[in-house]
PDB file of N, CA and C in Angstrom:
ATOM      1  N   MET A   1     -12.569 -13.297  -8.451  1.00  0.00           N
ATOM      2  CA  MET A   1     -12.660 -11.788  -8.449  1.00  0.00           C
ATOM      3  C   MET A   1     -11.349 -11.207  -7.897  1.00  0.00           C
ATOM      4  N   SER A   2     -10.834 -10.145  -8.507  1.00  0.00           N
ATOM      5  CA  SER A   2      -9.609  -9.616  -8.089  1.00  0.00           C
ATOM      6  C   SER A   2      -9.836  -8.769  -6.867  1.00  0.00           C
ATOM      7  N   LYS A   3      -8.722  -8.555  -6.147  1.00  0.00           N
ATOM      8  CA  LYS A   3      -8.767  -7.761  -4.879  1.00  0.00           C
ATOM      9  C   LYS A   3      -8.950  -6.243  -5.339  1.00  0.00           C
ATOM     10  N   SER A   4      -9.565  -5.514  -4.371  1.00  0.00           N
ATOM     11  CA  SER A   4      -9.832  -4.081  -4.614  1.00  0.00           C
ATOM     12  C   SER A   4      -8.602  -3.214  -4.673  1.00  0.00           C
ATOM     13  N   ILE A   5      -8.696  -2.041  -5.248  1.00  0.00           N
ATOM     14  CA  ILE A   5      -7.627  -1.075  -5.329  1.00  0.00           C
ATOM     15  C   ILE A   5      -7.225  -0.691  -3.889  1.00  0.00           C
ATOM     16  N   ASN A   6      -8.212  -0.653  -2.966  1.00  0.00           N
ATOM     17  CA  ASN A   6      -7.991  -0.358  -1.582  1.00  0.00           C
ATOM     18  C   ASN A   6      -7.033  -1.345  -0.973  1.00  0.00           C
ATOM     19  N   TYR A   7      -7.216  -2.663  -1.317  1.00  0.00           N
ATOM     20  CA  TYR A   7      -6.383  -3.664  -0.718  1.00  0.00           C
ATOM     21  C   TYR A   7      -4.937  -3.545  -1.298  1.00  0.00           C
ATOM     22  N   HIS A   8      -4.775  -3.249  -2.597  1.00  0.00           N
ATOM     23  CA  HIS A   8      -3.432  -3.099  -3.173  1.00  0.00           C
ATOM     24  C   HIS A   8      -2.741  -1.905  -2.648  1.00  0.00           C
ATOM     25  N   LEU A   9      -3.478  -0.812  -2.552  1.00  0.00           N
ATOM     26  CA  LEU A   9      -2.849   0.404  -1.924  1.00  0.00           C
ATOM     27  C   LEU A   9      -2.409   0.129  -0.515  1.00  0.00           C
ATOM     28  N   GLY A  10      -3.294  -0.557   0.242  1.00  0.00           N
ATOM     29  CA  GLY A  10      -2.872  -0.849   1.657  1.00  0.00           C
ATOM     30  C   GLY A  10      -1.617  -1.692   1.725  1.00  0.00           C
ATOM     31  N   GLN A  11      -1.550  -2.748   0.843  1.00  0.00           N
ATOM     32  CA  GLN A  11      -0.408  -3.660   0.929  1.00  0.00           C
ATOM     33  C   GLN A  11       0.872  -2.854   0.532  1.00  0.00           C
ATOM     34  N   CYS A  12       0.750  -1.928  -0.414  1.00  0.00           N
ATOM     35  CA  CYS A  12       1.950  -1.146  -0.807  1.00  0.00           C
ATOM     36  C   CYS A  12       2.358  -0.233   0.333  1.00  0.00           C
ATOM     37  N   VAL A  13       1.367   0.475   1.007  1.00  0.00           N
ATOM     38  CA  VAL A  13       1.693   1.318   2.102  1.00  0.00           C
ATOM     39  C   VAL A  13       2.401   0.533   3.170  1.00  0.00           C
ATOM     40  N   LYS A  14       1.838  -0.649   3.564  1.00  0.00           N
ATOM     41  CA  LYS A  14       2.403  -1.461   4.580  1.00  0.00           C
ATOM     42  C   LYS A  14       3.862  -1.855   4.223  1.00  0.00           C
ATOM     43  N   GLU A  15       4.074  -2.271   2.981  1.00  0.00           N
ATOM     44  CA  GLU A  15       5.414  -2.662   2.596  1.00  0.00           C
ATOM     45  C   GLU A  15       6.355  -1.505   2.648  1.00  0.00           C
ATOM     46  N   LEU A  16       5.957  -0.336   2.179  1.00  0.00           N
ATOM     47  CA  LEU A  16       6.894   0.802   2.194  1.00  0.00           C
ATOM     48  C   LEU A  16       7.154   1.225   3.597  1.00  0.00           C
ATOM     49  N   ARG A  17       6.106   1.228   4.460  1.00  0.00           N
ATOM     50  CA  ARG A  17       6.242   1.635   5.882  1.00  0.00           C
ATOM     51  C   ARG A  17       7.316   0.725   6.522  1.00  0.00           C
ATOM     52  N   ARG A  18       7.142  -0.566   6.330  1.00  0.00           N
ATOM     53  CA  ARG A  18       8.103  -1.536   6.894  1.00  0.00           C
ATOM     54  C   ARG A  18       9.534  -1.359   6.415  1.00  0.00           C
ATOM     55  N   GLU A  19       9.649  -1.064   5.147  1.00  0.00           N
ATOM     56  CA  GLU A  19      10.964  -0.793   4.517  1.00  0.00           C
ATOM     57  C   GLU A  19      11.638   0.337   5.213  1.00  0.00           C
ATOM     58  N   LYS A  20      10.819   1.326   5.675  1.00  0.00           N
ATOM     59  CA  LYS A  20      11.394   2.508   6.380  1.00  0.00           C
ATOM     60  C   LYS A  20      11.627   2.185   7.860  1.00  0.00           C
ATOM     61  N   GLY A  21      11.275   1.020   8.310  1.00  0.00           N
ATOM     62  CA  GLY A  21      11.526   0.553   9.662  1.00  0.00           C
ATOM     63  C   GLY A  21      10.547   1.241  10.687  1.00  0.00           C
ATOM     64  N   LEU A  22       9.373   1.662  10.195  1.00  0.00           N
ATOM     65  CA  LEU A  22       8.408   2.362  11.109  1.00  0.00           C
ATOM     66  C   LEU A  22       7.269   1.375  11.539  1.00  0.00           C
ATOM     67  N   THR A  23       6.962   1.463  12.844  1.00  0.00           N
ATOM     68  CA  THR A  23       5.709   0.768  13.301  1.00  0.00           C
ATOM     69  C   THR A  23       4.523   1.555  12.866  1.00  0.00           C
ATOM     70  N   GLN A  24       3.373   0.880  12.948  1.00  0.00           N
ATOM     71  CA  GLN A  24       2.126   1.573  12.562  1.00  0.00           C
ATOM     72  C   GLN A  24       1.939   2.802  13.480  1.00  0.00           C
ATOM     73  N   VAL A  25       2.243   2.690  14.783  1.00  0.00           N
ATOM     74  CA  VAL A  25       2.117   3.791  15.681  1.00  0.00           C
ATOM     75  C   VAL A  25       2.992   5.010  15.252  1.00  0.00           C
ATOM     76  N   GLU A  26       4.237   4.732  14.974  1.00  0.00           N
ATOM     77  CA  GLU A  26       5.163   5.774  14.502  1.00  0.00           C
ATOM     78  C   GLU A  26       4.683   6.389  13.202  1.00  0.00           C
ATOM     79  N   PHE A  27       4.287   5.599  12.293  1.00  0.00           N
ATOM     80  CA  PHE A  27       3.844   6.040  10.986  1.00  0.00           C
ATOM     81  C   PHE A  27       2.529   6.856  11.138  1.00  0.00           C
ATOM     82  N   SER A  28       1.629   6.423  11.955  1.00  0.00           N
ATOM     83  CA  SER A  28       0.378   7.086  12.133  1.00  0.00           C
ATOM     84  C   SER A  28       0.653   8.466  12.731  1.00  0.00           C
ATOM     85  N   GLU A  29       1.593   8.587  13.638  1.00  0.00           N
ATOM     86  CA  GLU A  29       1.960   9.894  14.219  1.00  0.00           C
ATOM     87  C   GLU A  29       2.503  10.768  13.200  1.00  0.00           C
ATOM     88  N   ARG A  30       3.364  10.166  12.299  1.00  0.00           N
ATOM     89  CA  ARG A  30       3.975  10.963  11.198  1.00  0.00           C
ATOM     90  C   ARG A  30       2.914  11.526  10.262  1.00  0.00           C
ATOM     91  N   CYS A  31       1.820  10.690  10.024  1.00  0.00           N
ATOM     92  CA  CYS A  31       0.785  11.120   9.119  1.00  0.00           C
ATOM     93  C   CYS A  31      -0.245  12.041   9.841  1.00  0.00           C
ATOM     94  N   GLY A  32      -0.348  11.916  11.135  1.00  0.00           N
ATOM     95  CA  GLY A  32      -1.357  12.686  11.905  1.00  0.00           C
ATOM     96  C   GLY A  32      -2.666  11.953  11.889  1.00  0.00           C
ATOM     97  N   PHE A  33      -2.664  10.566  11.727  1.00  0.00           N
ATOM     98  CA  PHE A  33      -3.862   9.762  11.717  1.00  0.00           C
ATOM     99  C   PHE A  33      -3.870   8.942  12.958  1.00  0.00           C
ATOM    100  N   TYR A  34      -5.058   8.514  13.300  1.00  0.00           N
ATOM    101  CA  TYR A  34      -5.139   7.489  14.331  1.00  0.00           C
ATOM    102  C   TYR A  34      -4.538   6.191  13.841  1.00  0.00           C
ATOM    103  N   GLN A  35      -3.920   5.381  14.789  1.00  0.00           N
ATOM    104  CA  GLN A  35      -3.307   4.154  14.277  1.00  0.00           C
ATOM    105  C   GLN A  35      -4.351   3.207  13.752  1.00  0.00           C
ATOM    106  N   THR A  36      -5.624   3.288  14.318  1.00  0.00           N
ATOM    107  CA  THR A  36      -6.593   2.406  13.831  1.00  0.00           C
ATOM    108  C   THR A  36      -7.044   2.693  12.393  1.00  0.00           C
ATOM    109  N   TYR A  37      -7.042   3.999  12.003  1.00  0.00           N
ATOM    110  CA  TYR A  37      -7.345   4.398  10.652  1.00  0.00           C
ATOM    111  C   TYR A  37      -6.260   3.894   9.748  1.00  0.00           C
ATOM    112  N   LEU A  38      -5.021   4.009  10.145  1.00  0.00           N
ATOM    113  CA  LEU A  38      -3.853   3.527   9.300  1.00  0.00           C
ATOM    114  C   LEU A  38      -3.988   2.062   9.121  1.00  0.00           C
ATOM    115  N   SER A  39      -4.297   1.305  10.150  1.00  0.00           N
ATOM    116  CA  SER A  39      -4.494  -0.133  10.097  1.00  0.00           C
ATOM    117  C   SER A  39      -5.591  -0.486   9.045  1.00  0.00           C
ATOM    118  N   ARG A  40      -6.616   0.313   9.085  1.00  0.00           N
ATOM    119  CA  ARG A  40      -7.731   0.020   8.138  1.00  0.00           C
ATOM    120  C   ARG A  40      -7.287   0.310   6.776  1.00  0.00           C
ATOM    121  N   ILE A  41      -6.473   1.287   6.480  1.00  0.00           N
ATOM    122  CA  ILE A  41      -5.901   1.633   5.176  1.00  0.00           C
ATOM    123  C   ILE A  41      -5.012   0.440   4.717  1.00  0.00           C
ATOM    124  N   GLU A  42      -4.118   0.060   5.588  1.00  0.00           N
ATOM    125  CA  GLU A  42      -3.121  -1.035   5.234  1.00  0.00           C
ATOM    126  C   GLU A  42      -3.874  -2.338   4.996  1.00  0.00           C
ATOM    127  N   ASN A  43      -4.953  -2.606   5.566  1.00  0.00           N
ATOM    128  CA  ASN A  43      -5.720  -3.860   5.387  1.00  0.00           C
ATOM    129  C   ASN A  43      -6.797  -3.756   4.327  1.00  0.00           C
ATOM    130  N   GLY A  44      -6.779  -2.632   3.604  1.00  0.00           N
ATOM    131  CA  GLY A  44      -7.803  -2.491   2.526  1.00  0.00           C
ATOM    132  C   GLY A  44      -9.251  -2.296   2.972  1.00  0.00           C
ATOM    133  N   LEU A  45      -9.398  -1.954   4.246  1.00  0.00           N
ATOM    134  CA  LEU A  45     -10.746  -1.796   4.814  1.00  0.00           C
ATOM    135  C   LEU A  45     -11.316  -0.415   4.811  1.00  0.00           C
ATOM    136  N   SER A  46     -10.474   0.567   4.347  1.00  0.00           N
ATOM    137  CA  SER A  46     -10.811   1.945   4.312  1.00  0.00           C
ATOM    138  C   SER A  46     -10.749   2.442   2.893  1.00  0.00           C
ATOM    139  N   ASN A  47     -11.534   3.471   2.560  1.00  0.00           N
ATOM    140  CA  ASN A  47     -11.471   4.072   1.270  1.00  0.00           C
ATOM    141  C   ASN A  47     -10.934   5.481   1.481  1.00  0.00           C
ATOM    142  N   PRO A  48      -9.613   5.613   1.531  1.00  0.00           N
ATOM    143  CA  PRO A  48      -9.036   6.980   1.815  1.00  0.00           C
ATOM    144  C   PRO A  48      -9.252   7.958   0.749  1.00  0.00           C
ATOM    145  N   THR A  49      -9.426   9.188   1.150  1.00  0.00           N
ATOM    146  CA  THR A  49      -9.567  10.245   0.119  1.00  0.00           C
ATOM    147  C   THR A  49      -8.180  10.504  -0.561  1.00  0.00           C
ATOM    148  N   ILE A  50      -8.217  11.220  -1.628  1.00  0.00           N
ATOM    149  CA  ILE A  50      -6.968  11.530  -2.315  1.00  0.00           C
ATOM    150  C   ILE A  50      -6.061  12.425  -1.384  1.00  0.00           C
ATOM    151  N   ASN A  51      -6.700  13.225  -0.548  1.00  0.00           N
ATOM    152  CA  ASN A  51      -5.940  13.991   0.376  1.00  0.00           C
ATOM    153  C   ASN A  51      -5.192  13.108   1.381  1.00  0.00           C
ATOM    154  N   ALA A  52      -5.911  12.136   1.912  1.00  0.00           N
ATOM    155  CA  ALA A  52      -5.311  11.153   2.868  1.00  0.00           C
ATOM    156  C   ALA A  52      -4.209  10.387   2.147  1.00  0.00           C
ATOM    157  N   ILE A  53      -4.382  10.002   0.912  1.00  0.00           N
ATOM    158  CA  ILE A  53      -3.303   9.270   0.172  1.00  0.00           C
ATOM    159  C   ILE A  53      -2.106  10.155  -0.026  1.00  0.00           C
ATOM    160  N   GLU A  54      -2.339  11.482  -0.196  1.00  0.00           N
ATOM    161  CA  GLU A  54      -1.195  12.453  -0.412  1.00  0.00           C
ATOM    162  C   GLU A  54      -0.428  12.558   0.927  1.00  0.00           C
ATOM    163  N   ILE A  55      -1.150  12.537   2.029  1.00  0.00           N
ATOM    164  CA  ILE A  55      -0.517  12.632   3.395  1.00  0.00           C
ATOM    165  C   ILE A  55       0.310  11.387   3.611  1.00  0.00           C
ATOM    166  N   VAL A  56      -0.199  10.208   3.279  1.00  0.00           N
ATOM    167  CA  VAL A  56       0.503   8.927   3.429  1.00  0.00           C
ATOM    168  C   VAL A  56       1.736   8.953   2.532  1.00  0.00           C
ATOM    169  N   ALA A  57       1.592   9.362   1.308  1.00  0.00           N
ATOM    170  CA  ALA A  57       2.744   9.390   0.347  1.00  0.00           C
ATOM    171  C   ALA A  57       3.810  10.322   0.848  1.00  0.00           C
ATOM    172  N   ASN A  58       3.416  11.490   1.262  1.00  0.00           N
ATOM    173  CA  ASN A  58       4.415  12.453   1.857  1.00  0.00           C
ATOM    174  C   ASN A  58       5.151  11.929   3.094  1.00  0.00           C
ATOM    175  N   ALA A  59       4.410  11.212   3.937  1.00  0.00           N
ATOM    176  CA  ALA A  59       4.983  10.571   5.135  1.00  0.00           C
ATOM    177  C   ALA A  59       5.985   9.506   4.699  1.00  0.00           C
ATOM    178  N   LEU A  60       5.775   8.913   3.536  1.00  0.00           N
ATOM    179  CA  LEU A  60       6.708   7.913   3.037  1.00  0.00           C
ATOM    180  C   LEU A  60       7.778   8.540   2.222  1.00  0.00           C
ATOM    181  N   GLU A  61       7.841   9.900   2.180  1.00  0.00           N
ATOM    182  CA  GLU A  61       8.805  10.650   1.505  1.00  0.00           C
ATOM    183  C   GLU A  61       8.772  10.414   0.005  1.00  0.00           C
ATOM    184  N   MET A  62       7.558  10.351  -0.514  1.00  0.00           N
ATOM    185  CA  MET A  62       7.336  10.192  -2.005  1.00  0.00           C
ATOM    186  C   MET A  62       6.130  10.975  -2.379  1.00  0.00           C
ATOM    187  N   SER A  63       5.905  11.088  -3.702  1.00  0.00           N
ATOM    188  CA  SER A  63       4.779  11.825  -4.190  1.00  0.00           C
ATOM    189  C   SER A  63       3.598  10.792  -4.359  1.00  0.00           C
ATOM    190  N   VAL A  64       2.414  11.287  -4.583  1.00  0.00           N
ATOM    191  CA  VAL A  64       1.268  10.395  -4.858  1.00  0.00           C
ATOM    192  C   VAL A  64       1.556   9.616  -6.143  1.00  0.00           C
ATOM    193  N   TYR A  65       2.156  10.312  -7.086  1.00  0.00           N
ATOM    194  CA  TYR A  65       2.447   9.645  -8.398  1.00  0.00           C
ATOM    195  C   TYR A  65       3.449   8.455  -8.143  1.00  0.00           C
ATOM    196  N   ASP A  66       4.451   8.730  -7.267  1.00  0.00           N
ATOM    197  CA  ASP A  66       5.406   7.628  -7.012  1.00  0.00           C
ATOM    198  C   ASP A  66       4.766   6.463  -6.264  1.00  0.00           C
ATOM    199  N   LEU A  67       3.860   6.761  -5.408  1.00  0.00           N
ATOM    200  CA  LEU A  67       3.101   5.709  -4.649  1.00  0.00           C
ATOM    201  C   LEU A  67       2.279   4.870  -5.673  1.00  0.00           C
ATOM    202  N   PHE A  68       1.616   5.539  -6.555  1.00  0.00           N
ATOM    203  CA  PHE A  68       0.830   4.801  -7.583  1.00  0.00           C
ATOM    204  C   PHE A  68       1.741   4.051  -8.539  1.00  0.00           C
ATOM    205  N   GLU A  69       2.845   4.556  -8.843  1.00  0.00           N
ATOM    206  CA  GLU A  69       3.822   3.847  -9.696  1.00  0.00           C
ATOM    207  C   GLU A  69       4.271   2.607  -8.947  1.00  0.00           C
ATOM    208  N   PHE A  70       4.593   2.674  -7.657  1.00  0.00           N
ATOM    209  CA  PHE A  70       4.960   1.521  -6.945  1.00  0.00           C
ATOM    210  C   PHE A  70       3.883   0.491  -6.949  1.00  0.00           C
ATOM    211  N   MET A  71       2.586   0.936  -6.754  1.00  0.00           N
ATOM    212  CA  MET A  71       1.471   0.007  -6.840  1.00  0.00           C
ATOM    213  C   MET A  71       1.421  -0.637  -8.195  1.00  0.00           C
ATOM    214  N   LYS A  72       1.674   0.119  -9.278  1.00  0.00           N
ATOM    215  CA  LYS A  72       1.627  -0.453 -10.616  1.00  0.00           C
ATOM    216  C   LYS A  72       2.718  -1.556 -10.768  1.00  0.00           C
ATOM    217  N   MET A  73       3.919  -1.252 -10.254  1.00  0.00           N
ATOM    218  CA  MET A  73       5.027  -2.231 -10.372  1.00  0.00           C
ATOM    219  C   MET A  73       4.702  -3.486  -9.541  1.00  0.00           C
ATOM    220  N   ALA A  74       4.193  -3.241  -8.347  1.00  0.00           N
ATOM    221  CA  ALA A  74       3.829  -4.404  -7.460  1.00  0.00           C
ATOM    222  C   ALA A  74       2.775  -5.258  -8.140  1.00  0.00           C
ATOM    223  N   GLU A  75       1.768  -4.635  -8.781  1.00  0.00           N
ATOM    224  CA  GLU A  75       0.705  -5.390  -9.417  1.00  0.00           C
ATOM    225  C   GLU A  75       1.250  -6.154 -10.583  1.00  0.00           C
ATOM    226  N   SER A  76       2.163  -5.579 -11.371  1.00  0.00           N
ATOM    227  CA  SER A  76       2.794  -6.311 -12.465  1.00  0.00           C
ATOM    228  C   SER A  76       3.596  -7.473 -11.939  1.00  0.00           C
ATOM    229  N   LYS A  77       4.265  -7.349 -10.865  1.00  0.00           N
ATOM    230  CA  LYS A  77       5.097  -8.415 -10.259  1.00  0.00           C
ATOM    231  C   LYS A  77       4.188  -9.502  -9.837  1.00  0.00           C
ATOM    232  N   ARG A  78       3.061  -9.134  -9.243  1.00  0.00           N
ATOM    233  CA  ARG A  78       2.059 -10.195  -8.752  1.00  0.00           C
ATOM    234  C   ARG A  78       1.548 -10.959  -9.912  1.00  0.00           C
ATOM    235  N   LYS A  79       1.274 -10.341 -11.048  1.00  0.00           N
ATOM    236  CA  LYS A  79       0.659 -10.937 -12.195  1.00  0.00           C
ATOM    237  C   LYS A  79       1.677 -11.924 -12.809  1.00  0.00           C
ATOM    238  N   LYS A  80       2.917 -11.523 -12.873  1.00  0.00           N
ATOM    239  CA  LYS A  80       4.009 -12.408 -13.433  1.00  0.00           C
ATOM    240  C   LYS A  80       4.165 -13.624 -12.528  1.00  0.00           C
ATOM    241  N   GLN A  81       4.147 -13.406 -11.204  1.00  0.00           N
ATOM    242  CA  GLN A  81       4.292 -14.562 -10.276  1.00  0.00           C
ATOM    243  C   GLN A  81       3.087 -15.458 -10.436  1.00  0.00           C
ATOM    244  N   GLY A  82       1.849 -14.946 -10.635  1.00  0.00           N
ATOM    245  CA  GLY A  82       0.704 -15.800 -10.825  1.00  0.00           C
ATOM    246  C   GLY A  82       0.800 -16.559 -12.081  1.00  0.00           C
ATOM    247  N   LEU A  83       1.344 -15.970 -13.136  1.00  0.00           N
ATOM    248  CA  LEU A  83       1.506 -16.685 -14.418  1.00  0.00           C
ATOM    249  C   LEU A  83       2.498 -17.784 -14.301  1.00  0.00           C
ATOM    250  N   ILE A  84       3.619 -17.513 -13.618  1.00  0.00           N
ATOM    251  CA  ILE A  84       4.651 -18.524 -13.355  1.00  0.00           C
ATOM    252  C   ILE A  84       4.091 -19.694 -12.540  1.00  0.00           C
ATOM    253  N   HIS A  85       3.269 -19.415 -11.541  1.00  0.00           N
ATOM    254  CA  HIS A  85       2.629 -20.353 -10.754  1.00  0.00           C
ATOM    255  C   HIS A  85       1.700 -21.213 -11.575  1.00  0.00           C
ATOM    256  N   LYS A  86       0.919 -20.659 -12.480  1.00  0.00           N
ATOM    257  CA  LYS A  86       0.007 -21.406 -13.299  1.00  0.00           C
ATOM    258  C   LYS A  86       0.779 -22.298 -14.290  1.00  0.00           C
ATOM    259  N   ILE A  87       1.846 -21.798 -14.818  1.00  0.00           N
ATOM    260  CA  ILE A  87       2.667 -22.572 -15.794  1.00  0.00           C
ATOM    261  C   ILE A  87       3.320 -23.726 -15.068  1.00  0.00           C
ATOM    262  N   SER A  88       3.774 -23.522 -13.867  1.00  0.00           N
ATOM    263  CA  SER A  88       4.477 -24.621 -13.126  1.00  0.00           C
ATOM    264  C   SER A  88       3.555 -25.660 -12.695  1.00  0.00           C
ATOM    265  N   LYS A  89       2.223 -25.417 -12.603  1.00  0.00           N
ATOM    266  CA  LYS A  89       1.238 -26.462 -12.192  1.00  0.00           C
ATOM    267  C   LYS A  89       0.990 -27.393 -13.360  1.00  0.00           C
ATOM    268  N   LYS A  90       1.222 -26.991 -14.579  1.00  0.00           N
ATOM    269  CA  LYS A  90       0.918 -27.818 -15.751  1.00  0.00           C
ATOM    270  C   LYS A  90       1.793 -29.019 -15.854  1.00  0.00           C
TER     271      LYS A  90
END
């Protein structure tokens, strides 16, 4: 079974946050969220509302559309890596 959209969103948020050099605490303050809530988002354990996703995207200095485009590209990259891994096992 594939991972949930919450998991993929969280992984993308975590990656983008780290690229900006922000800790979870710094980023949670930027978003106005508790650090524990941000942690749950990044680990795919929360189901954030579209409003929360917009806040996160804005804190990453991007639009919601850009965030979802990043998710789409990351998913495509993961699928290609999985295919390469399957082929190399043969």
